[in-house]
Structure formats: C-alpha cells, structure tokens
Amino acid sequence: MVGTGPRRRIRDAAIELFYQAGYATTSLRQLSEVVGLQTGSLYNHIASKEELLYDIMHGVMSELLDETVEAMERSGDDAVGRTLAFFHTSIRVHALRQKETFIVNTELRRLSDEHRREIVALRERYEGLLGSALGACAKEGSLRVHDLPLATRVALALCTSVADWYRPDGPRSLEELQTELPRLFGPFVGVDLGVMRE
C-alpha cells in the first residue's frame, strides 16, 4: 500500500498511532481525524484496520529481509562476516525504522490467522539467516556456539531491542552501536572483530 497521496498519509498516520497508543486503542475515527478524511472515506483507500496493520508489518519485514540478504551476500562465504552483516543491518533497520519494527514485535497477535502466518513465515526466514550464519561459524570454529538455537534467540533479542531504546540524540551514534553491540554478544566475546563488515 506504500505510495503517495491519501494512501501514504493513512499508512504514516497509522504507524504513528499504533506506535504511540497501540493497535487496539487506535480507532479508525482517530485515524481519519489525523489524515483529514471522513471515517467512511478511509475505506476508499484501505480494506480494514487489520489489513493496514498487516501492510505495515509486511512492508518492514520484507525490507529487513531484502537488505539483510543483500548485506550478507556481499560477505561471500566468510561466516563471521555474514554474521556481522546480519547484526549491522538489523541494528540499522531497527533504529531507522523504529516505529514499524516495534509494531512488528508487539502487535503480531492482532493479525488474522492468515496474515499472522505470513508474517511469522517472514520472521522465520529472517531468523534462519542468522541461525545459518552462526551455525557456519560454529562449524568452522571461528566462534564458540554451544547452543545454536539459544545463541540465535539472544542475538535476535539484542538486535530487535534497538527499536525499544535507540535515540538519534543518544550517547552513542548508530555507527558506534553497530560496532559495539555485537561485542556484547556472547560468542563474539574475546574475538577481534576488526572493522565491521557489511
């Protein structure tokens, strides 16, 4: 649904309202007031509030997947480089698309069964990228990964938490966080990461 005109204004307003007040609390009347349309006129541009939520989630998850795959592919077969590329991209997207990624992480239960399955499938593909990279690191011995599923979950939590607390005017720049946060991840402790690779 991303585009220009009313459709884009509705989507942008929904992101702000869902982020600030939550999906359940946000009404179509509130949304219509923000974008300057009659409530009934919203249906000329959206199918439903739930469809709007799905559109936001699908859009940011697709972007996250595409950018992560591209970054990891640039690292070739370098397992550590691919893992760092995942961190680097995930941290950046969760910081720059903070509101959308926060919505994905908190409002999944609001989706219909069909839409939830689609978003869960995208999330599983995304998580699988990290799991595969960490698994390759463990196999070659470049990182000590004792429990791959647990390590993957911890790394994901580290990345997704950025959407909760990152502030552009905070004490660390985004570039610094992209370098420093992976160093807090257990398997990287004691490893000379050198320059962050995309």
Protein backbone atom coordinates (compact mmCIF):
# COMPACT_ATOMS: atom_id res chain seq x y z
CA MET A 1 0.00 0.00 0.00
CA VAL A 2 3.04 2.30 0.13
CA GLY A 3 2.64 5.14 -2.35
CA THR A 4 1.76 8.82 -2.38
CA GLY A 5 -1.34 10.81 -1.56
CA PRO A 6 -4.03 9.63 0.86
CA ARG A 7 -2.86 6.01 0.98
CA ARG A 8 0.61 7.03 2.13
CA ARG A 9 -0.77 9.58 4.61
CA ILE A 10 -3.06 6.94 6.12
CA ARG A 11 -0.21 4.46 6.46
CA ASP A 12 2.14 7.03 8.03
CA ALA A 13 -0.55 8.17 10.46
CA ALA A 14 -1.34 4.56 11.39
CA ILE A 15 2.32 3.87 12.12
CA GLU A 16 2.43 6.84 14.47
CA LEU A 17 -0.84 5.98 16.22
CA PHE A 18 -0.12 2.24 16.53
CA TYR A 19 3.33 3.05 17.91
CA GLN A 20 2.18 5.67 20.41
CA ALA A 21 -1.16 4.23 21.57
CA GLY A 22 -1.20 0.63 20.37
CA TYR A 23 -3.26 -1.04 17.68
CA ALA A 24 -6.19 -2.00 19.92
CA THR A 25 -6.57 1.53 21.31
CA THR A 26 -6.38 3.27 17.95
CA SER A 27 -9.74 3.78 16.26
CA LEU A 28 -10.48 4.48 12.62
CA ARG A 29 -12.09 7.71 13.75
CA GLN A 30 -8.78 8.84 15.26
CA LEU A 31 -7.00 7.84 12.10
CA SER A 32 -9.47 9.73 9.90
CA GLU A 33 -9.07 12.86 12.03
CA VAL A 34 -5.29 12.78 11.67
CA VAL A 35 -5.39 12.44 7.89
CA GLY A 36 -8.32 14.81 7.40
CA LEU A 37 -10.79 12.37 5.90
CA GLN A 38 -14.26 11.20 6.87
CA THR A 39 -14.13 7.82 8.58
CA GLY A 40 -16.16 6.25 5.78
CA SER A 41 -13.77 7.67 3.19
CA LEU A 42 -10.91 5.64 4.65
CA TYR A 43 -12.40 2.56 3.01
CA ASN A 44 -11.70 4.09 -0.38
CA HIS A 45 -8.02 3.56 0.45
CA ILE A 46 -7.83 0.66 2.92
CA ALA A 47 -9.73 -2.59 3.34
CA SER A 48 -9.71 -2.57 7.15
CA LYS A 49 -7.66 -1.54 10.16
CA GLU A 50 -6.26 -5.06 10.41
CA GLU A 51 -5.25 -5.00 6.73
CA LEU A 52 -3.45 -1.73 7.42
CA LEU A 53 -1.55 -3.32 10.30
CA TYR A 54 -0.59 -6.25 8.09
CA ASP A 55 0.60 -3.89 5.36
CA ILE A 56 2.89 -2.08 7.80
CA MET A 57 4.31 -5.32 9.17
CA HIS A 58 4.77 -6.95 5.77
CA GLY A 59 6.46 -3.87 4.38
CA VAL A 60 9.10 -3.53 7.07
CA MET A 61 9.75 -7.28 7.32
CA SER A 62 10.24 -7.52 3.55
CA GLU A 63 12.62 -4.58 3.66
CA LEU A 64 14.52 -6.09 6.56
CA LEU A 65 14.85 -9.42 4.78
CA ASP A 66 15.93 -7.93 1.46
CA GLU A 67 18.54 -5.64 3.00
CA THR A 68 19.90 -8.38 5.26
CA VAL A 69 20.23 -10.89 2.42
CA GLU A 70 21.99 -8.31 0.27
CA ALA A 71 24.42 -7.37 3.05
CA MET A 72 25.21 -10.99 3.88
CA GLU A 73 25.75 -11.89 0.24
CA ARG A 74 28.39 -9.17 -0.01
CA SER A 75 30.36 -11.08 2.64
CA GLY A 76 30.51 -14.16 0.42
CA ASP A 77 31.44 -17.34 2.29
CA ASP A 78 33.00 -15.52 5.27
CA ALA A 79 30.86 -16.88 8.11
CA VAL A 80 31.90 -14.26 10.67
CA GLY A 81 31.47 -11.52 8.07
CA ARG A 82 27.98 -12.78 7.25
CA THR A 83 27.07 -12.82 10.94
CA LEU A 84 28.37 -9.29 11.42
CA ALA A 85 26.50 -8.17 8.30
CA PHE A 86 23.30 -9.52 9.86
CA PHE A 87 23.98 -7.56 13.07
CA HIS A 88 24.92 -4.42 11.18
CA THR A 89 21.80 -4.43 9.00
CA SER A 90 19.40 -5.48 11.73
CA ILE A 91 20.63 -2.80 14.13
CA ARG A 92 20.36 -0.14 11.42
CA VAL A 93 16.85 -1.08 10.29
CA HIS A 94 15.56 -1.39 13.85
CA ALA A 95 17.00 2.05 14.61
CA LEU A 96 15.87 3.84 11.46
CA ARG A 97 12.50 2.08 11.12
CA GLN A 98 11.98 2.10 14.87
CA LYS A 99 8.23 2.54 14.92
CA GLU A 100 7.45 -0.08 12.28
CA THR A 101 9.76 -2.71 13.77
CA PHE A 102 8.36 -2.01 17.24
CA ILE A 103 4.87 -2.62 15.86
CA VAL A 104 6.01 -5.92 14.31
CA ASN A 105 7.47 -7.02 17.63
CA THR A 106 4.43 -6.09 19.74
CA GLU A 107 1.26 -6.40 17.65
CA LEU A 108 1.59 -9.78 15.92
CA ARG A 109 -1.29 -11.25 17.92
CA ARG A 110 -3.66 -8.65 16.44
CA LEU A 111 -3.41 -10.12 12.95
CA SER A 112 -5.85 -12.58 11.44
CA ASP A 113 -4.66 -16.18 11.29
CA GLU A 114 -3.75 -15.95 7.61
CA HIS A 115 -1.87 -12.70 7.96
CA ARG A 116 -0.14 -13.88 11.13
CA ARG A 117 1.12 -16.98 9.34
CA GLU A 118 2.57 -14.83 6.56
CA ILE A 119 4.41 -12.52 8.95
CA VAL A 120 5.64 -15.44 11.05
CA ALA A 121 6.99 -17.04 7.87
CA LEU A 122 8.92 -13.86 7.06
CA ARG A 123 10.28 -13.71 10.60
CA GLU A 124 11.35 -17.33 10.44
CA ARG A 125 13.21 -16.69 7.17
CA TYR A 126 14.91 -13.71 8.79
CA GLU A 127 15.87 -15.67 11.90
CA GLY A 128 17.07 -18.52 9.71
CA LEU A 129 19.62 -16.21 8.08
CA LEU A 130 21.24 -15.59 11.44
CA GLY A 131 20.98 -19.21 12.55
CA SER A 132 22.70 -20.39 9.38
CA ALA A 133 25.49 -17.83 9.74
CA LEU A 134 26.09 -18.71 13.37
CA GLY A 135 25.95 -22.40 12.54
CA ALA A 136 28.65 -21.88 9.91
CA CYS A 137 30.79 -20.01 12.46
CA ALA A 138 30.42 -22.88 14.91
CA LYS A 139 31.24 -25.48 12.28
CA GLU A 140 34.47 -23.77 11.21
CA GLY A 141 35.41 -22.97 14.81
CA SER A 142 35.60 -19.20 14.35
CA LEU A 143 33.07 -18.69 17.18
CA ARG A 144 32.22 -20.82 20.19
CA VAL A 145 28.50 -21.51 19.93
CA HIS A 146 27.46 -24.10 22.49
CA ASP A 147 23.69 -23.85 21.94
CA LEU A 148 22.81 -22.62 18.45
CA PRO A 149 19.05 -22.06 18.98
CA LEU A 150 19.68 -20.16 22.21
CA ALA A 151 22.51 -18.12 20.72
CA THR A 152 20.28 -17.20 17.78
CA ARG A 153 17.46 -16.05 20.07
CA VAL A 154 19.83 -13.98 22.22
CA ALA A 155 21.38 -12.31 19.17
CA LEU A 156 17.94 -11.53 17.75
CA ALA A 157 16.83 -10.03 21.05
CA LEU A 158 19.92 -7.85 21.10
CA CYS A 159 19.13 -6.52 17.63
CA THR A 160 15.38 -6.08 17.98
CA SER A 161 15.73 -4.31 21.34
CA VAL A 162 17.24 -1.36 19.48
CA ALA A 163 13.70 -0.40 18.43
CA ASP A 164 12.81 -0.02 22.12
CA TRP A 165 15.57 2.32 23.27
CA TYR A 166 17.57 3.84 20.41
CA ARG A 167 17.53 7.65 20.19
CA PRO A 168 19.32 9.61 17.46
CA ASP A 169 20.44 12.13 20.07
CA GLY A 170 21.63 9.42 22.48
CA PRO A 171 25.18 9.00 23.80
CA ARG A 172 26.13 6.57 21.01
CA SER A 173 25.84 7.15 17.28
CA LEU A 174 24.19 4.47 15.16
CA GLU A 175 27.58 3.61 13.67
CA GLU A 176 29.05 3.13 17.15
CA LEU A 177 26.17 0.88 18.15
CA GLN A 178 26.63 -1.22 15.02
CA THR A 179 30.21 -1.84 16.14
CA GLU A 180 29.70 -2.12 19.89
CA LEU A 181 26.53 -4.19 20.22
CA PRO A 182 27.94 -7.33 18.53
CA ARG A 183 30.79 -7.21 21.05
CA LEU A 184 28.22 -7.77 23.81
CA PHE A 185 27.02 -10.98 22.17
CA GLY A 186 28.49 -13.99 23.97
CA PRO A 187 30.09 -15.87 21.04
CA PHE A 188 31.88 -12.67 20.00
CA VAL A 189 33.39 -12.02 23.44
CA GLY A 190 37.14 -12.19 23.14
CA VAL A 191 37.05 -12.15 19.34
CA ASP A 192 38.84 -9.38 17.49
CA LEU A 193 36.06 -8.23 15.22
CA GLY A 194 38.17 -5.64 13.47
CA VAL A 195 36.27 -3.30 11.18
CA MET A 196 32.57 -4.02 10.94
CA ARG A 197 31.89 -5.64 7.62
CA GLU A 198 28.66 -5.31 5.66
